[in-house]
Amino acid sequence: MAKVLVIADIKRGEVKRSTAELLAKARTLGAETAVVAIGNNLEALIPDLVSVGSGSQYIADDPGLELFSAGPYASCVVDAASQFGADQIWFASTESSKAVAPRVAARLAVACATDITDVASTGGNIEITRPAIANKVIQRVKINSEKLVAVVRAGAFPMTDEGTAGSENVIRLSAPPTDLGAVIKELIADASGDIDLGDAAIVVSVGRGVKDQKGIDLVKGLADDLGAGFGTSRAMVDSGLMGHNKQVGQTGKIVAPKLYIAVGISGAIQHLSGMTGSQVIVAVNNDPEAPIFNVADYGIVGDLFEVVPILREQIKSIKR
């Protein structure tokens, strides 16, 4: 039986759903599972780590780990992997995981694959699936080993056995030495209070078609009505109207919400590569030939300044 170690995705003191998704996928493969949690004041999260389906819980709990640092975090993962005897180590796709995963793979001298959408064992080898060239092709890559460190694309592993709890078996990890080469003194979070795009069940994004701040504010109102995350295309970031932390696409964030609403976005391949994993896609654009309609489940051809107020009114009437 293969052993899969999942690195817990913890934000603001909460174990994110992506952790449960990775563990669920591991169980469907018949693997023995474990999770490693890294940070400070993690005791209260142990029941959550059990409830998402882990068979063992490796806890690296130390004040020196409160702020993310790639070197010490990698050391904790390697320690947990060695004690567990992990064959595969899976990370959810986050900025921090993309910094840690290569370090872990290098220290363990195993293959590292990023942005994967599927994984399977085939006769002593591992085969992974991942998109490439901005989703224009799907690669199937055979790794001549049973060992792998992988970063999994957001939403790639949907929950198949939600509600399956694990068993409590807590193993404490020793705090690693401080990384004197890179000392992080402070993390400055987005103070906007907006819903994180990676966590949002609904994402509303704006493109060049909104024209200016007035258009942005109009569509932001739609996002607020829906309790949605608010994203954007690269064109709006390049124009200085939206921040990079809101960008969805190849050079931004990969999202896979239940509902994605693209307003005034033409649908460049770089943007599509970041949101085509969404369960339902709705597009609003005044150009009937816009590429966004090729991937949309529902399309509205019209002036967004007329369409969005109608959508907002309809949503409000449903909520009444």
C-alpha atoms as a PDB file:
ATOM      1  CA  MET A   1       0.000   0.000   0.000  1.00  0.00           C
ATOM      2  CA  ALA A   2       1.367   3.408  -1.000  1.00  0.00           C
ATOM      3  CA  LYS A   3       1.737   6.093   1.634  1.00  0.00           C
ATOM      4  CA  VAL A   4       0.624   9.639   0.798  1.00  0.00           C
ATOM      5  CA  LEU A   5       1.578  12.596   2.986  1.00  0.00           C
ATOM      6  CA  VAL A   6      -0.585  15.705   2.528  1.00  0.00           C
ATOM      7  CA  ILE A   7       0.641  19.109   3.654  1.00  0.00           C
ATOM      8  CA  ALA A   8      -2.212  20.860   5.446  1.00  0.00           C
ATOM      9  CA  ASP A   9      -3.270  24.160   3.890  1.00  0.00           C
ATOM     10  CA  ILE A  10      -3.899  26.369   6.915  1.00  0.00           C
ATOM     11  CA  LYS A  11      -4.998  29.994   6.645  1.00  0.00           C
ATOM     12  CA  ARG A  12      -6.183  32.275   9.426  1.00  0.00           C
ATOM     13  CA  GLY A  13      -6.350  29.366  11.837  1.00  0.00           C
ATOM     14  CA  GLU A  14      -8.528  27.223   9.564  1.00  0.00           C
ATOM     15  CA  VAL A  15      -7.794  23.981   7.709  1.00  0.00           C
ATOM     16  CA  LYS A  16      -8.827  24.697   4.134  1.00  0.00           C
ATOM     17  CA  ARG A  17     -11.029  22.409   2.052  1.00  0.00           C
ATOM     18  CA  SER A  18      -8.141  21.639  -0.305  1.00  0.00           C
ATOM     19  CA  THR A  19      -6.587  19.511   2.459  1.00  0.00           C
ATOM     20  CA  ALA A  20      -9.683  17.307   2.612  1.00  0.00           C
ATOM     21  CA  GLU A  21      -9.772  17.060  -1.198  1.00  0.00           C
ATOM     22  CA  LEU A  22      -6.195  15.769  -1.377  1.00  0.00           C
ATOM     23  CA  LEU A  23      -6.774  13.254   1.399  1.00  0.00           C
ATOM     24  CA  ALA A  24      -9.969  12.039  -0.286  1.00  0.00           C
ATOM     25  CA  LYS A  25      -8.094  11.461  -3.537  1.00  0.00           C
ATOM     26  CA  ALA A  26      -5.395   9.514  -1.700  1.00  0.00           C
ATOM     27  CA  ARG A  27      -8.038   7.260  -0.155  1.00  0.00           C
ATOM     28  CA  THR A  28      -9.576   6.528  -3.562  1.00  0.00           C
ATOM     29  CA  LEU A  29      -6.135   5.258  -4.610  1.00  0.00           C
ATOM     30  CA  GLY A  30      -6.112   2.911  -1.617  1.00  0.00           C
ATOM     31  CA  ALA A  31      -3.234   4.781  -0.005  1.00  0.00           C
ATOM     32  CA  GLU A  32      -2.389   5.077   3.660  1.00  0.00           C
ATOM     33  CA  THR A  33      -2.718   8.761   4.529  1.00  0.00           C
ATOM     34  CA  ALA A  34      -1.082  11.243   6.863  1.00  0.00           C
ATOM     35  CA  VAL A  35      -1.122  15.011   7.137  1.00  0.00           C
ATOM     36  CA  VAL A  36       1.538  17.433   8.340  1.00  0.00           C
ATOM     37  CA  ALA A  37       0.555  20.768   9.875  1.00  0.00           C
ATOM     38  CA  ILE A  38       3.144  23.503  10.316  1.00  0.00           C
ATOM     39  CA  GLY A  39       2.758  26.712  12.310  1.00  0.00           C
ATOM     40  CA  ASN A  40       2.111  27.973  15.813  1.00  0.00           C
ATOM     41  CA  ASN A  41      -0.741  27.243  18.238  1.00  0.00           C
ATOM     42  CA  LEU A  42      -2.019  24.271  16.254  1.00  0.00           C
ATOM     43  CA  GLU A  43      -3.497  22.202  19.088  1.00  0.00           C
ATOM     44  CA  ALA A  44      -7.043  23.374  18.399  1.00  0.00           C
ATOM     45  CA  LEU A  45      -6.746  22.229  14.780  1.00  0.00           C
ATOM     46  CA  ILE A  46      -5.960  18.568  15.539  1.00  0.00           C
ATOM     47  CA  PRO A  47      -9.660  17.514  15.567  1.00  0.00           C
ATOM     48  CA  ASP A  48     -10.069  19.211  12.175  1.00  0.00           C
ATOM     49  CA  LEU A  49      -7.043  17.382  10.786  1.00  0.00           C
ATOM     50  CA  VAL A  50      -8.606  14.105  11.909  1.00  0.00           C
ATOM     51  CA  SER A  51     -12.067  14.983  10.579  1.00  0.00           C
ATOM     52  CA  VAL A  52     -10.771  15.653   7.046  1.00  0.00           C
ATOM     53  CA  GLY A  53      -9.664  12.032   6.822  1.00  0.00           C
ATOM     54  CA  SER A  54      -6.016  11.710   7.819  1.00  0.00           C
ATOM     55  CA  GLY A  55      -4.732   8.487   9.342  1.00  0.00           C
ATOM     56  CA  SER A  56      -1.854  10.201  11.188  1.00  0.00           C
ATOM     57  CA  GLN A  57      -1.169  13.816  12.075  1.00  0.00           C
ATOM     58  CA  TYR A  58       2.382  15.192  12.137  1.00  0.00           C
ATOM     59  CA  ILE A  59       2.420  18.475  14.044  1.00  0.00           C
ATOM     60  CA  ALA A  60       5.236  21.031  13.822  1.00  0.00           C
ATOM     61  CA  ASP A  61       4.062  23.575  16.386  1.00  0.00           C
ATOM     62  CA  ASP A  62       6.519  26.276  17.384  1.00  0.00           C
ATOM     63  CA  PRO A  63       6.531  30.100  17.692  1.00  0.00           C
ATOM     64  CA  GLY A  64       9.398  30.183  15.198  1.00  0.00           C
ATOM     65  CA  LEU A  65       7.077  28.671  12.569  1.00  0.00           C
ATOM     66  CA  GLU A  66       4.303  31.227  12.903  1.00  0.00           C
ATOM     67  CA  LEU A  67       5.575  33.172   9.893  1.00  0.00           C
ATOM     68  CA  PHE A  68       6.148  31.183   6.711  1.00  0.00           C
ATOM     69  CA  SER A  69       9.749  30.512   5.718  1.00  0.00           C
ATOM     70  CA  ALA A  70      10.458  28.043   2.915  1.00  0.00           C
ATOM     71  CA  GLY A  71      13.587  26.484   4.430  1.00  0.00           C
ATOM     72  CA  PRO A  72      12.246  25.581   7.890  1.00  0.00           C
ATOM     73  CA  TYR A  73       8.887  24.507   6.435  1.00  0.00           C
ATOM     74  CA  ALA A  74      10.659  22.193   4.002  1.00  0.00           C
ATOM     75  CA  SER A  75      12.644  20.702   6.892  1.00  0.00           C
ATOM     76  CA  CYS A  76       9.396  19.915   8.731  1.00  0.00           C
ATOM     77  CA  VAL A  77       7.919  18.211   5.666  1.00  0.00           C
ATOM     78  CA  VAL A  78      11.073  16.142   5.125  1.00  0.00           C
ATOM     79  CA  ASP A  79      11.050  15.111   8.800  1.00  0.00           C
ATOM     80  CA  ALA A  80       7.406  14.029   8.593  1.00  0.00           C
ATOM     81  CA  ALA A  81       7.951  12.221   5.287  1.00  0.00           C
ATOM     82  CA  SER A  82      10.905  10.310   6.687  1.00  0.00           C
ATOM     83  CA  GLN A  83       9.060   9.236   9.840  1.00  0.00           C
ATOM     84  CA  PHE A  84       5.933   8.263   7.896  1.00  0.00           C
ATOM     85  CA  GLY A  85       7.845   6.561   5.097  1.00  0.00           C
ATOM     86  CA  ALA A  86       5.924   8.575   2.520  1.00  0.00           C
ATOM     87  CA  ASP A  87       5.939   7.475  -1.108  1.00  0.00           C
ATOM     88  CA  GLN A  88       4.187  10.593  -2.323  1.00  0.00           C
ATOM     89  CA  ILE A  89       3.969  14.094  -0.846  1.00  0.00           C
ATOM     90  CA  TRP A  90       1.115  16.296  -2.018  1.00  0.00           C
ATOM     91  CA  PHE A  91       0.742  20.064  -1.652  1.00  0.00           C
ATOM     92  CA  ALA A  92      -2.331  22.138  -2.466  1.00  0.00           C
ATOM     93  CA  SER A  93      -1.500  24.872  -4.966  1.00  0.00           C
ATOM     94  CA  THR A  94      -0.518  27.993  -3.005  1.00  0.00           C
ATOM     95  CA  GLU A  95       2.277  30.523  -3.233  1.00  0.00           C
ATOM     96  CA  SER A  96       4.045  28.944  -0.257  1.00  0.00           C
ATOM     97  CA  SER A  97       3.720  25.360  -1.514  1.00  0.00           C
ATOM     98  CA  LYS A  98       5.391  26.288  -4.785  1.00  0.00           C
ATOM     99  CA  ALA A  99       8.364  27.522  -2.758  1.00  0.00           C
ATOM    100  CA  VAL A 100       8.534  24.500  -0.450  1.00  0.00           C
ATOM    101  CA  ALA A 101       7.825  21.587  -2.819  1.00  0.00           C
ATOM    102  CA  PRO A 102      11.041  21.862  -4.912  1.00  0.00           C
ATOM    103  CA  ARG A 103      13.129  22.087  -1.744  1.00  0.00           C
ATOM    104  CA  VAL A 104      11.507  18.949  -0.349  1.00  0.00           C
ATOM    105  CA  ALA A 105      12.021  17.075  -3.632  1.00  0.00           C
ATOM    106  CA  ALA A 106      15.679  18.105  -3.784  1.00  0.00           C
ATOM    107  CA  ARG A 107      16.373  16.990  -0.206  1.00  0.00           C
ATOM    108  CA  LEU A 108      14.695  13.634  -0.792  1.00  0.00           C
ATOM    109  CA  ALA A 109      16.170  13.249  -4.309  1.00  0.00           C
ATOM    110  CA  VAL A 110      12.780  12.489  -5.875  1.00  0.00           C
ATOM    111  CA  ALA A 111      10.777  13.877  -8.803  1.00  0.00           C
ATOM    112  CA  CYS A 112       8.759  17.061  -8.409  1.00  0.00           C
ATOM    113  CA  ALA A 113       5.656  17.820 -10.503  1.00  0.00           C
ATOM    114  CA  THR A 114       3.585  21.003 -10.331  1.00  0.00           C
ATOM    115  CA  ASP A 115       0.077  21.937 -11.435  1.00  0.00           C
ATOM    116  CA  ILE A 116      -1.024  18.305 -11.660  1.00  0.00           C
ATOM    117  CA  THR A 117      -4.673  17.393 -12.228  1.00  0.00           C
ATOM    118  CA  ASP A 118      -4.458  13.624 -11.770  1.00  0.00           C
ATOM    119  CA  VAL A 119      -2.101  10.944 -10.511  1.00  0.00           C
ATOM    120  CA  ALA A 120      -2.077   7.149 -10.811  1.00  0.00           C
ATOM    121  CA  SER A 121       0.281   4.255 -10.115  1.00  0.00           C
ATOM    122  CA  THR A 122       1.070   2.001 -13.073  1.00  0.00           C
ATOM    123  CA  GLY A 123       3.255  -1.037 -12.543  1.00  0.00           C
ATOM    124  CA  GLY A 124       5.775   0.434 -10.150  1.00  0.00           C
ATOM    125  CA  ASN A 125       5.718   3.852 -11.846  1.00  0.00           C
ATOM    126  CA  ILE A 126       3.679   6.982 -11.295  1.00  0.00           C
ATOM    127  CA  GLU A 127       1.772   8.686 -14.088  1.00  0.00           C
ATOM    128  CA  ILE A 128       0.682  12.283 -13.642  1.00  0.00           C
ATOM    129  CA  THR A 129      -1.588  14.463 -15.760  1.00  0.00           C
ATOM    130  CA  ARG A 130      -1.045  18.202 -16.064  1.00  0.00           C
ATOM    131  CA  PRO A 131      -2.006  21.000 -18.456  1.00  0.00           C
ATOM    132  CA  ALA A 132       0.727  22.741 -20.442  1.00  0.00           C
ATOM    133  CA  ILE A 133       1.142  25.654 -22.863  1.00  0.00           C
ATOM    134  CA  ALA A 134      -1.692  27.606 -21.208  1.00  0.00           C
ATOM    135  CA  ASN A 135      -4.025  24.587 -21.251  1.00  0.00           C
ATOM    136  CA  LYS A 136      -3.612  24.032 -24.994  1.00  0.00           C
ATOM    137  CA  VAL A 137      -2.359  20.497 -24.378  1.00  0.00           C
ATOM    138  CA  ILE A 138      -2.713  17.952 -21.585  1.00  0.00           C
ATOM    139  CA  GLN A 139       0.487  16.123 -20.691  1.00  0.00           C
ATOM    140  CA  ARG A 140       0.566  12.566 -19.390  1.00  0.00           C
ATOM    141  CA  VAL A 141       3.965  12.063 -17.805  1.00  0.00           C
ATOM    142  CA  LYS A 142       5.302   8.728 -16.567  1.00  0.00           C
ATOM    143  CA  ILE A 143       7.770   8.957 -13.704  1.00  0.00           C
ATOM    144  CA  ASN A 144      10.089   5.973 -13.446  1.00  0.00           C
ATOM    145  CA  SER A 145       9.747   5.782  -9.693  1.00  0.00           C
ATOM    146  CA  GLU A 146       7.196   5.232  -6.950  1.00  0.00           C
ATOM    147  CA  LYS A 147       8.316   8.431  -5.228  1.00  0.00           C
ATOM    148  CA  LEU A 148       6.886  11.880  -6.011  1.00  0.00           C
ATOM    149  CA  VAL A 149       6.476  15.383  -4.640  1.00  0.00           C
ATOM    150  CA  ALA A 150       3.498  17.074  -6.294  1.00  0.00           C
ATOM    151  CA  VAL A 151       1.681  20.417  -6.247  1.00  0.00           C
ATOM    152  CA  VAL A 152      -1.969  19.813  -7.147  1.00  0.00           C
ATOM    153  CA  ARG A 153      -3.926  22.316  -9.228  1.00  0.00           C
ATOM    154  CA  ALA A 154      -6.835  23.982  -7.402  1.00  0.00           C
ATOM    155  CA  GLY A 155     -10.049  22.000  -7.697  1.00  0.00           C
ATOM    156  CA  ALA A 156      -8.389  19.066  -9.488  1.00  0.00           C
ATOM    157  CA  PHE A 157      -9.401  16.502  -6.862  1.00  0.00           C
ATOM    158  CA  PRO A 158     -13.102  16.932  -6.066  1.00  0.00           C
ATOM    159  CA  MET A 159     -14.436  15.416  -2.857  1.00  0.00           C
ATOM    160  CA  THR A 160     -15.648  11.868  -3.479  1.00  0.00           C
ATOM    161  CA  ASP A 161     -16.204  10.657   0.084  1.00  0.00           C
ATOM    162  CA  GLU A 162     -17.018  13.812   2.010  1.00  0.00           C
ATOM    163  CA  GLY A 163     -17.651  13.146   5.676  1.00  0.00           C
ATOM    164  CA  THR A 164     -15.129  10.311   5.947  1.00  0.00           C
ATOM    165  CA  ALA A 165     -13.192  10.911   9.158  1.00  0.00           C
ATOM    166  CA  GLY A 166      -9.699   9.682   9.871  1.00  0.00           C
ATOM    167  CA  SER A 167      -8.150   8.381  13.065  1.00  0.00           C
ATOM    168  CA  GLU A 168      -6.243  10.384  15.647  1.00  0.00           C
ATOM    169  CA  ASN A 169      -2.560   9.476  15.787  1.00  0.00           C
ATOM    170  CA  VAL A 170      -0.585  12.601  16.636  1.00  0.00           C
ATOM    171  CA  ILE A 171       3.191  12.714  16.173  1.00  0.00           C
ATOM    172  CA  ARG A 172       5.053  15.810  17.363  1.00  0.00           C
ATOM    173  CA  LEU A 173       7.863  17.150  15.184  1.00  0.00           C
ATOM    174  CA  SER A 174      10.865  19.005  16.547  1.00  0.00           C
ATOM    175  CA  ALA A 175      11.220  22.608  15.457  1.00  0.00           C
ATOM    176  CA  PRO A 176      13.884  22.962  12.737  1.00  0.00           C
ATOM    177  CA  PRO A 177      16.807  25.390  12.966  1.00  0.00           C
ATOM    178  CA  THR A 178      16.097  28.990  12.018  1.00  0.00           C
ATOM    179  CA  ASP A 179      16.884  29.869   8.420  1.00  0.00           C
ATOM    180  CA  LEU A 180      19.495  32.573   8.925  1.00  0.00           C
ATOM    181  CA  GLY A 181      19.769  33.125   5.184  1.00  0.00           C
ATOM    182  CA  ALA A 182      16.255  34.541   4.947  1.00  0.00           C
ATOM    183  CA  VAL A 183      14.530  35.937   8.017  1.00  0.00           C
ATOM    184  CA  ILE A 184      10.873  36.929   7.596  1.00  0.00           C
ATOM    185  CA  LYS A 185       9.907  39.553  10.128  1.00  0.00           C
ATOM    186  CA  GLU A 186       6.364  40.421   9.059  1.00  0.00           C
ATOM    187  CA  LEU A 187       3.629  39.302   6.684  1.00  0.00           C
ATOM    188  CA  ILE A 188       1.330  42.023   5.406  1.00  0.00           C
ATOM    189  CA  ALA A 189      -2.033  40.558   4.435  1.00  0.00           C
ATOM    190  CA  ASP A 190      -4.566  42.005   2.036  1.00  0.00           C
ATOM    191  CA  ALA A 191      -6.472  44.489   4.158  1.00  0.00           C
ATOM    192  CA  SER A 192      -9.422  44.797   1.770  1.00  0.00           C
ATOM    193  CA  GLY A 193     -11.413  42.151   3.592  1.00  0.00           C
ATOM    194  CA  ASP A 194     -12.348  40.531   0.280  1.00  0.00           C
ATOM    195  CA  ILE A 195     -12.918  36.783   0.060  1.00  0.00           C
ATOM    196  CA  ASP A 196      -9.779  34.891  -0.945  1.00  0.00           C
ATOM    197  CA  LEU A 197     -10.087  33.795  -4.576  1.00  0.00           C
ATOM    198  CA  GLY A 198      -8.718  30.338  -3.840  1.00  0.00           C
ATOM    199  CA  ASP A 199     -11.379  29.718  -1.188  1.00  0.00           C
ATOM    200  CA  ALA A 200     -14.382  31.278  -2.912  1.00  0.00           C
ATOM    201  CA  ALA A 201     -17.286  29.111  -4.080  1.00  0.00           C
ATOM    202  CA  ILE A 202     -18.248  31.934  -6.454  1.00  0.00           C
ATOM    203  CA  VAL A 203     -15.818  34.223  -8.278  1.00  0.00           C
ATOM    204  CA  VAL A 204     -16.784  37.333 -10.247  1.00  0.00           C
ATOM    205  CA  SER A 205     -14.025  38.767 -12.436  1.00  0.00           C
ATOM    206  CA  VAL A 206     -13.718  41.936 -14.499  1.00  0.00           C
ATOM    207  CA  GLY A 207     -11.824  42.635 -17.700  1.00  0.00           C
ATOM    208  CA  ARG A 208     -11.000  45.526 -19.949  1.00  0.00           C
ATOM    209  CA  GLY A 209     -14.674  45.942 -20.844  1.00  0.00           C
ATOM    210  CA  VAL A 210     -15.489  47.625 -17.518  1.00  0.00           C
ATOM    211  CA  LYS A 211     -13.343  50.551 -18.724  1.00  0.00           C
ATOM    212  CA  ASP A 212     -12.698  52.423 -15.475  1.00  0.00           C
ATOM    213  CA  GLN A 213     -13.157  52.533 -11.710  1.00  0.00           C
ATOM    214  CA  LYS A 214     -16.880  53.223 -12.096  1.00  0.00           C
ATOM    215  CA  GLY A 215     -17.264  49.968 -14.023  1.00  0.00           C
ATOM    216  CA  ILE A 216     -15.163  48.091 -11.464  1.00  0.00           C
ATOM    217  CA  ASP A 217     -17.346  49.375  -8.636  1.00  0.00           C
ATOM    218  CA  LEU A 218     -20.496  48.311 -10.497  1.00  0.00           C
ATOM    219  CA  VAL A 219     -19.318  44.716 -10.902  1.00  0.00           C
ATOM    220  CA  LYS A 220     -17.854  44.649  -7.386  1.00  0.00           C
ATOM    221  CA  GLY A 221     -21.394  45.282  -6.193  1.00  0.00           C
ATOM    222  CA  LEU A 222     -22.490  42.122  -8.023  1.00  0.00           C
ATOM    223  CA  ALA A 223     -19.717  40.163  -6.303  1.00  0.00           C
ATOM    224  CA  ASP A 224     -20.796  41.519  -2.922  1.00  0.00           C
ATOM    225  CA  ASP A 225     -24.429  40.592  -3.605  1.00  0.00           C
ATOM    226  CA  LEU A 226     -23.329  37.000  -4.252  1.00  0.00           C
ATOM    227  CA  GLY A 227     -20.795  36.816  -1.426  1.00  0.00           C
ATOM    228  CA  ALA A 228     -18.216  36.106  -4.114  1.00  0.00           C
ATOM    229  CA  GLY A 229     -14.497  36.524  -4.545  1.00  0.00           C
ATOM    230  CA  PHE A 230     -13.581  39.423  -6.836  1.00  0.00           C
ATOM    231  CA  GLY A 231     -10.982  38.803  -9.528  1.00  0.00           C
ATOM    232  CA  THR A 232      -9.646  40.334 -12.697  1.00  0.00           C
ATOM    233  CA  SER A 233      -7.805  39.749 -15.933  1.00  0.00           C
ATOM    234  CA  ARG A 234      -4.199  40.743 -16.539  1.00  0.00           C
ATOM    235  CA  ALA A 235      -5.220  43.724 -18.675  1.00  0.00           C
ATOM    236  CA  MET A 236      -6.747  45.423 -15.636  1.00  0.00           C
ATOM    237  CA  VAL A 237      -3.665  44.752 -13.538  1.00  0.00           C
ATOM    238  CA  ASP A 238      -1.368  46.128 -16.234  1.00  0.00           C
ATOM    239  CA  SER A 239      -3.510  49.264 -16.436  1.00  0.00           C
ATOM    240  CA  GLY A 240      -3.105  49.823 -12.697  1.00  0.00           C
ATOM    241  CA  LEU A 241      -6.839  49.576 -11.994  1.00  0.00           C
ATOM    242  CA  MET A 242      -6.638  46.254 -10.105  1.00  0.00           C
ATOM    243  CA  GLY A 243      -3.983  44.654  -7.904  1.00  0.00           C
ATOM    244  CA  HIS A 244      -1.993  41.595  -8.938  1.00  0.00           C
ATOM    245  CA  ASN A 245      -3.382  39.654  -5.966  1.00  0.00           C
ATOM    246  CA  LYS A 246      -6.742  39.713  -7.784  1.00  0.00           C
ATOM    247  CA  GLN A 247      -5.432  38.416 -11.113  1.00  0.00           C
ATOM    248  CA  VAL A 248      -6.825  35.135 -12.401  1.00  0.00           C
ATOM    249  CA  GLY A 249      -4.855  33.333 -15.091  1.00  0.00           C
ATOM    250  CA  GLN A 250      -1.594  31.787 -16.125  1.00  0.00           C
ATOM    251  CA  THR A 251       0.494  34.427 -14.345  1.00  0.00           C
ATOM    252  CA  GLY A 252      -2.026  34.926 -11.541  1.00  0.00           C
ATOM    253  CA  LYS A 253      -4.189  32.588  -9.494  1.00  0.00           C
ATOM    254  CA  ILE A 254      -5.716  29.307 -10.621  1.00  0.00           C
ATOM    255  CA  VAL A 255      -9.316  29.076  -9.412  1.00  0.00           C
ATOM    256  CA  ALA A 256     -11.959  26.364  -9.648  1.00  0.00           C
ATOM    257  CA  PRO A 257     -15.123  27.691  -7.985  1.00  0.00           C
ATOM    258  CA  LYS A 258     -18.619  26.300  -8.344  1.00  0.00           C
ATOM    259  CA  LEU A 259     -19.576  29.436 -10.306  1.00  0.00           C
ATOM    260  CA  TYR A 260     -17.319  31.792 -12.277  1.00  0.00           C
ATOM    261  CA  ILE A 261     -18.796  34.978 -13.752  1.00  0.00           C
ATOM    262  CA  ALA A 262     -16.594  36.769 -16.299  1.00  0.00           C
ATOM    263  CA  VAL A 263     -17.716  40.353 -16.959  1.00  0.00           C
ATOM    264  CA  GLY A 264     -16.127  42.303 -19.796  1.00  0.00           C
ATOM    265  CA  ILE A 265     -13.422  39.674 -20.269  1.00  0.00           C
ATOM    266  CA  SER A 266     -12.649  38.711 -23.860  1.00  0.00           C
ATOM    267  CA  GLY A 267     -11.090  35.368 -22.943  1.00  0.00           C
ATOM    268  CA  ALA A 268      -7.402  35.401 -23.770  1.00  0.00           C
ATOM    269  CA  ILE A 269      -5.859  31.947 -23.416  1.00  0.00           C
ATOM    270  CA  GLN A 270      -3.745  33.140 -20.475  1.00  0.00           C
ATOM    271  CA  HIS A 271      -6.898  34.023 -18.528  1.00  0.00           C
ATOM    272  CA  LEU A 272      -8.789  30.903 -19.548  1.00  0.00           C
ATOM    273  CA  SER A 273      -5.981  28.710 -18.233  1.00  0.00           C
ATOM    274  CA  GLY A 274      -6.707  30.025 -14.735  1.00  0.00           C
ATOM    275  CA  MET A 275     -10.459  29.438 -14.592  1.00  0.00           C
ATOM    276  CA  THR A 276     -11.596  26.687 -16.965  1.00  0.00           C
ATOM    277  CA  GLY A 277     -11.724  24.258 -14.034  1.00  0.00           C
ATOM    278  CA  SER A 278     -14.785  26.123 -12.733  1.00  0.00           C
ATOM    279  CA  GLN A 279     -17.926  23.995 -12.516  1.00  0.00           C
ATOM    280  CA  VAL A 280     -20.180  26.595 -14.185  1.00  0.00           C
ATOM    281  CA  ILE A 281     -18.954  29.572 -16.217  1.00  0.00           C
ATOM    282  CA  VAL A 282     -21.127  32.591 -17.063  1.00  0.00           C
ATOM    283  CA  ALA A 283     -19.815  35.238 -19.461  1.00  0.00           C
ATOM    284  CA  VAL A 284     -21.075  38.779 -20.104  1.00  0.00           C
ATOM    285  CA  ASN A 285     -19.573  40.497 -23.152  1.00  0.00           C
ATOM    286  CA  ASN A 286     -20.836  42.743 -25.944  1.00  0.00           C
ATOM    287  CA  ASP A 287     -18.811  40.873 -28.569  1.00  0.00           C
ATOM    288  CA  PRO A 288     -20.582  37.664 -29.670  1.00  0.00           C
ATOM    289  CA  GLU A 289     -17.285  36.380 -31.104  1.00  0.00           C
ATOM    290  CA  ALA A 290     -15.342  36.782 -27.833  1.00  0.00           C
ATOM    291  CA  PRO A 291     -13.334  33.604 -27.034  1.00  0.00           C
ATOM    292  CA  ILE A 292     -14.788  33.549 -23.514  1.00  0.00           C
ATOM    293  CA  PHE A 293     -18.045  32.195 -24.985  1.00  0.00           C
ATOM    294  CA  ASN A 294     -16.214  29.086 -26.206  1.00  0.00           C
ATOM    295  CA  VAL A 295     -15.774  27.920 -22.605  1.00  0.00           C
ATOM    296  CA  ALA A 296     -18.876  29.491 -21.041  1.00  0.00           C
ATOM    297  CA  ASP A 297     -21.821  27.341 -19.987  1.00  0.00           C
ATOM    298  CA  TYR A 298     -24.049  30.422 -20.184  1.00  0.00           C
ATOM    299  CA  GLY A 299     -23.372  33.575 -22.199  1.00  0.00           C
ATOM    300  CA  ILE A 300     -24.989  36.993 -22.233  1.00  0.00           C
ATOM    301  CA  VAL A 301     -24.205  39.164 -25.252  1.00  0.00           C
ATOM    302  CA  GLY A 302     -24.832  42.718 -24.210  1.00  0.00           C
ATOM    303  CA  ASP A 303     -23.558  45.913 -22.634  1.00  0.00           C
ATOM    304  CA  LEU A 304     -22.344  45.011 -19.149  1.00  0.00           C
ATOM    305  CA  PHE A 305     -23.472  48.420 -17.872  1.00  0.00           C
ATOM    306  CA  GLU A 306     -27.018  47.372 -18.715  1.00  0.00           C
ATOM    307  CA  VAL A 307     -26.727  43.662 -17.892  1.00  0.00           C
ATOM    308  CA  VAL A 308     -25.078  43.879 -14.467  1.00  0.00           C
ATOM    309  CA  PRO A 309     -27.764  46.138 -12.882  1.00  0.00           C
ATOM    310  CA  ILE A 310     -30.420  43.678 -14.113  1.00  0.00           C
ATOM    311  CA  LEU A 311     -28.500  40.735 -12.625  1.00  0.00           C
ATOM    312  CA  ARG A 312     -28.131  42.565  -9.333  1.00  0.00           C
ATOM    313  CA  GLU A 313     -31.834  43.360  -9.185  1.00  0.00           C
ATOM    314  CA  GLN A 314     -32.731  39.739  -9.908  1.00  0.00           C
ATOM    315  CA  ILE A 315     -30.375  38.488  -7.203  1.00  0.00           C
ATOM    316  CA  LYS A 316     -31.828  40.934  -4.684  1.00  0.00           C
ATOM    317  CA  SER A 317     -35.380  39.863  -5.548  1.00  0.00           C
ATOM    318  CA  ILE A 318     -34.462  36.213  -4.966  1.00  0.00           C
ATOM    319  CA  LYS A 319     -32.974  37.064  -1.570  1.00  0.00           C
ATOM    320  CA  ARG A 320     -36.029  39.008  -0.424  1.00  0.00           C
END
